[in-house]
C-alpha atoms as a PDB file:
ATOM      1  CA  UNK A   1      32.905   3.179  46.337  1.00  0.00           C
ATOM      2  CA  UNK A   2      34.407   6.732  44.510  1.00  0.00           C
ATOM      3  CA  UNK A   3      37.587   7.585  46.364  1.00  0.00           C
ATOM      4  CA  UNK A   4      37.368  11.551  45.300  1.00  0.00           C
ATOM      5  CA  UNK A   5      41.237  11.765  47.941  1.00  0.00           C
ATOM      6  CA  UNK A   6      42.794   9.538  45.369  1.00  0.00           C
ATOM      7  CA  UNK A   7      43.511   9.197  42.311  1.00  0.00           C
ATOM      8  CA  UNK A   8      44.563   5.985  39.970  1.00  0.00           C
ATOM      9  CA  UNK A   9      48.287   5.593  38.133  1.00  0.00           C
ATOM     10  CA  UNK A  10      47.428   2.211  35.669  1.00  0.00           C
ATOM     11  CA  UNK A  11      51.487   0.630  34.363  1.00  0.00           C
ATOM     12  CA  UNK A  12      49.676   1.825  30.976  1.00  0.00           C
ATOM     13  CA  UNK A  13      49.887   5.563  31.327  1.00  0.00           C
ATOM     14  CA  UNK A  14      53.441   5.115  31.346  1.00  0.00           C
ATOM     15  CA  UNK A  15      54.264   2.565  28.959  1.00  0.00           C
ATOM     16  CA  UNK A  16      56.046   4.219  25.956  1.00  0.00           C
ATOM     17  CA  UNK A  17      55.090   0.934  23.130  1.00  0.00           C
ATOM     18  CA  UNK A  18      51.022   3.063  24.011  1.00  0.00           C
ATOM     19  CA  UNK A  19      49.638   5.013  22.158  1.00  0.00           C
ATOM     20  CA  UNK A  20      48.065   7.961  23.298  1.00  0.00           C
ATOM     21  CA  UNK A  21      45.005   6.115  22.360  1.00  0.00           C
ATOM     22  CA  UNK A  22      45.869   3.440  23.531  1.00  0.00           C
ATOM     23  CA  UNK A  23      45.830   4.609  26.972  1.00  0.00           C
ATOM     24  CA  UNK A  24      49.825   6.090  27.723  1.00  0.00           C
ATOM     25  CA  UNK A  25      48.858   9.411  29.752  1.00  0.00           C
ATOM     26  CA  UNK A  26      52.652  10.982  30.041  1.00  0.00           C
ATOM     27  CA  UNK A  27      54.871  12.340  27.126  1.00  0.00           C
ATOM     28  CA  UNK A  28      57.123  10.179  24.744  1.00  0.00           C
ATOM     29  CA  UNK A  29      59.796  11.571  26.389  1.00  0.00           C
ATOM     30  CA  UNK A  30      59.159  10.966  30.355  1.00  0.00           C
ATOM     31  CA  UNK A  31      57.339   7.078  29.324  1.00  0.00           C
ATOM     32  CA  UNK A  32      59.574   3.853  29.576  1.00  0.00           C
ATOM     33  CA  UNK A  33      58.482   0.600  27.935  1.00  0.00           C
ATOM     34  CA  UNK A  34      56.411  -1.660  29.754  1.00  0.00           C
ATOM     35  CA  UNK A  35      56.891   0.333  33.133  1.00  0.00           C
ATOM     36  CA  UNK A  36      56.420  -2.080  36.605  1.00  0.00           C
ATOM     37  CA  UNK A  37      53.597  -1.813  39.061  1.00  0.00           C
ATOM     38  CA  UNK A  38      56.781  -2.800  41.742  1.00  0.00           C
ATOM     39  CA  UNK A  39      58.864   0.039  39.669  1.00  0.00           C
ATOM     40  CA  UNK A  40      55.691   2.598  40.052  1.00  0.00           C
ATOM     41  CA  UNK A  41      55.310   1.652  43.397  1.00  0.00           C
ATOM     42  CA  UNK A  42      59.035   2.804  44.592  1.00  0.00           C
ATOM     43  CA  UNK A  43      58.413   6.201  42.219  1.00  0.00           C
ATOM     44  CA  UNK A  44      55.779   6.540  44.444  1.00  0.00           C
ATOM     45  CA  UNK A  45      57.589   5.535  47.585  1.00  0.00           C
ATOM     46  CA  UNK A  46      60.684   8.253  47.158  1.00  0.00           C
ATOM     47  CA  UNK A  47      57.549  10.787  45.497  1.00  0.00           C
ATOM     48  CA  UNK A  48      56.465  10.693  49.691  1.00  0.00           C
ATOM     49  CA  UNK A  49      52.913  10.082  47.877  1.00  0.00           C
ATOM     50  CA  UNK A  50      50.674   7.601  50.666  1.00  0.00           C
ATOM     51  CA  UNK A  51      49.214   5.255  47.891  1.00  0.00           C
ATOM     52  CA  UNK A  52      47.133   1.816  47.758  1.00  0.00           C
ATOM     53  CA  UNK A  53      48.390  -1.334  45.523  1.00  0.00           C
ATOM     54  CA  UNK A  54      45.772  -3.240  43.936  1.00  0.00           C
ATOM     55  CA  UNK A  55      47.400  -5.720  42.094  1.00  0.00           C
ATOM     56  CA  UNK A  56      44.792  -7.831  41.479  1.00  0.00           C
ATOM     57  CA  UNK A  57      43.271  -4.593  38.988  1.00  0.00           C
ATOM     58  CA  UNK A  58      43.012  -4.651  35.170  1.00  0.00           C
ATOM     59  CA  UNK A  59      43.038  -1.909  32.880  1.00  0.00           C
ATOM     60  CA  UNK A  60      39.956  -1.986  31.043  1.00  0.00           C
ATOM     61  CA  UNK A  61      40.664  -1.520  27.608  1.00  0.00           C
ATOM     62  CA  UNK A  62      43.848  -4.582  28.226  1.00  0.00           C
ATOM     63  CA  UNK A  63      41.000  -6.199  30.513  1.00  0.00           C
ATOM     64  CA  UNK A  64      42.914  -9.966  29.577  1.00  0.00           C
ATOM     65  CA  UNK A  65      45.930  -8.307  30.948  1.00  0.00           C
ATOM     66  CA  UNK A  66      46.649  -8.131  34.929  1.00  0.00           C
ATOM     67  CA  UNK A  67      49.277  -5.589  35.650  1.00  0.00           C
ATOM     68  CA  UNK A  68      47.152  -4.089  38.589  1.00  0.00           C
ATOM     69  CA  UNK A  69      47.446  -0.538  39.796  1.00  0.00           C
ATOM     70  CA  UNK A  70      47.825   2.555  42.277  1.00  0.00           C
ATOM     71  CA  UNK A  71      46.140   4.852  43.809  1.00  0.00           C
ATOM     72  CA  UNK A  72      47.159   7.529  44.978  1.00  0.00           C
ATOM     73  CA  UNK A  73      46.713   9.936  47.247  1.00  0.00           C
ATOM     74  CA  UNK A  74      45.865  13.871  45.962  1.00  0.00           C
ATOM     75  CA  UNK A  75      47.729  16.358  47.043  1.00  0.00           C
ATOM     76  CA  UNK A  76      47.913  17.904  43.975  1.00  0.00           C
ATOM     77  CA  UNK A  77      46.758  17.768  40.013  1.00  0.00           C
ATOM     78  CA  UNK A  78      46.730  14.311  38.393  1.00  0.00           C
ATOM     79  CA  UNK A  79      48.707  15.763  36.176  1.00  0.00           C
ATOM     80  CA  UNK A  80      51.657  17.411  37.975  1.00  0.00           C
ATOM     81  CA  UNK A  81      51.682  13.851  40.266  1.00  0.00           C
ATOM     82  CA  UNK A  82      52.073  11.411  36.014  1.00  0.00           C
ATOM     83  CA  UNK A  83      54.836  14.058  35.121  1.00  0.00           C
ATOM     84  CA  UNK A  84      56.598  13.613  38.827  1.00  0.00           C
ATOM     85  CA  UNK A  85      55.961   9.915  39.185  1.00  0.00           C
ATOM     86  CA  UNK A  86      57.398   9.791  35.119  1.00  0.00           C
ATOM     87  CA  UNK A  87      60.536  11.374  35.911  1.00  0.00           C
ATOM     88  CA  UNK A  88      61.082   9.402  39.126  1.00  0.00           C
ATOM     89  CA  UNK A  89      60.819   6.089  36.910  1.00  0.00           C
ATOM     90  CA  UNK A  90      62.882   7.451  34.473  1.00  0.00           C
ATOM     91  CA  UNK A  91      65.698   8.344  37.115  1.00  0.00           C
ATOM     92  CA  UNK A  92      64.781   4.627  39.070  1.00  0.00           C
ATOM     93  CA  UNK A  93      65.486   2.591  35.916  1.00  0.00           C
ATOM     94  CA  UNK A  94      68.976   4.642  34.787  1.00  0.00           C
ATOM     95  CA  UNK A  95      69.817   4.180  38.491  1.00  0.00           C
ATOM     96  CA  UNK A  96      69.341   0.413  38.787  1.00  0.00           C
ATOM     97  CA  UNK A  97      71.104   0.054  34.636  1.00  0.00           C
ATOM     98  CA  UNK A  98      74.205   0.833  35.855  1.00  0.00           C
END
Protein backbone atom coordinates (compact mmCIF):
# COMPACT_ATOMS: atom_id res chain seq x y z
CA UNK A 1 0.00 0.00 0.00
CA UNK A 2 1.34 3.43 -0.95
CA UNK A 3 1.59 5.90 1.91
CA UNK A 4 1.55 9.50 0.70
CA UNK A 5 2.15 10.96 4.17
CA UNK A 6 5.63 9.36 4.31
CA UNK A 7 8.69 9.55 2.09
CA UNK A 8 11.27 6.80 1.64
CA UNK A 9 14.90 7.33 2.64
CA UNK A 10 17.35 4.68 1.47
CA UNK A 11 20.92 4.75 2.85
CA UNK A 12 22.20 4.82 -0.74
CA UNK A 13 20.71 8.33 -1.15
CA UNK A 14 23.54 9.59 1.10
CA UNK A 15 26.38 7.32 -0.10
CA UNK A 16 29.35 9.22 -1.55
CA UNK A 17 30.73 6.04 -3.15
CA UNK A 18 27.69 5.88 -5.46
CA UNK A 19 26.97 8.04 -8.48
CA UNK A 20 23.72 9.87 -9.12
CA UNK A 21 22.75 7.23 -11.67
CA UNK A 22 23.33 4.51 -9.04
CA UNK A 23 20.95 6.20 -6.62
CA UNK A 24 22.70 8.98 -4.69
CA UNK A 25 20.32 11.93 -4.25
CA UNK A 26 22.37 14.46 -2.29
CA UNK A 27 25.40 16.40 -3.56
CA UNK A 28 28.81 14.77 -2.97
CA UNK A 29 29.64 17.63 -0.62
CA UNK A 30 26.89 16.40 1.74
CA UNK A 31 27.30 12.65 1.13
CA UNK A 32 29.24 10.15 3.28
CA UNK A 33 30.91 6.86 2.44
CA UNK A 34 28.64 3.87 3.18
CA UNK A 35 26.10 5.29 5.65
CA UNK A 36 24.34 2.75 7.86
CA UNK A 37 20.63 2.54 8.57
CA UNK A 38 21.34 3.10 12.27
CA UNK A 39 23.04 6.40 11.43
CA UNK A 40 20.02 7.48 9.39
CA UNK A 41 17.74 6.64 12.32
CA UNK A 42 19.87 8.72 14.68
CA UNK A 43 19.92 11.69 12.26
CA UNK A 44 16.14 11.58 11.78
CA UNK A 45 15.63 11.37 15.56
CA UNK A 46 17.80 14.46 16.06
CA UNK A 47 15.70 16.34 13.52
CA UNK A 48 12.54 15.40 15.41
CA UNK A 49 10.89 13.63 12.49
CA UNK A 50 8.50 10.70 12.88
CA UNK A 51 9.76 7.57 11.13
CA UNK A 52 9.26 3.86 10.56
CA UNK A 53 12.25 1.52 10.17
CA UNK A 54 12.02 -1.28 7.59
CA UNK A 55 15.24 -3.29 8.05
CA UNK A 56 14.54 -6.10 5.57
CA UNK A 57 13.97 -3.89 2.52
CA UNK A 58 16.36 -3.87 -0.43
CA UNK A 59 17.07 -0.99 -2.79
CA UNK A 60 15.82 -2.23 -6.20
CA UNK A 61 19.00 -1.43 -8.12
CA UNK A 62 21.10 -3.37 -5.58
CA UNK A 63 18.59 -6.11 -4.76
CA UNK A 64 21.27 -8.47 -3.38
CA UNK A 65 22.11 -6.06 -0.49
CA UNK A 66 19.76 -5.85 2.48
CA UNK A 67 20.42 -2.36 3.83
CA UNK A 68 16.91 -1.39 4.92
CA UNK A 69 15.08 1.89 4.55
CA UNK A 70 13.25 4.54 6.55
CA UNK A 71 9.79 5.91 6.02
CA UNK A 72 9.85 9.51 7.24
CA UNK A 73 6.82 11.69 7.82
CA UNK A 74 6.46 14.29 5.07
CA UNK A 75 6.59 17.73 6.67
CA UNK A 76 8.27 19.58 3.81
CA UNK A 77 9.64 18.88 0.34
CA UNK A 78 11.63 15.68 -0.01
CA UNK A 79 14.69 17.58 -1.27
CA UNK A 80 14.77 19.69 1.91
CA UNK A 81 14.40 16.63 4.13
CA UNK A 82 17.23 14.88 2.25
CA UNK A 83 19.59 17.83 2.68
CA UNK A 84 18.74 18.25 6.37
CA UNK A 85 19.28 14.55 7.05
CA UNK A 86 22.57 14.63 5.11
CA UNK A 87 23.83 17.57 7.17
CA UNK A 88 22.85 15.80 10.37
CA UNK A 89 24.62 12.62 9.22
CA UNK A 90 27.81 14.60 8.61
CA UNK A 91 27.68 16.16 12.09
CA UNK A 92 27.06 12.69 13.60
CA UNK A 93 30.15 11.27 11.87
CA UNK A 94 32.24 14.25 13.02
CA UNK A 95 31.15 13.72 16.63
CA UNK A 96 31.94 10.01 16.50
CA UNK A 97 35.36 10.51 14.93
CA UNK A 98 36.67 12.36 18.00
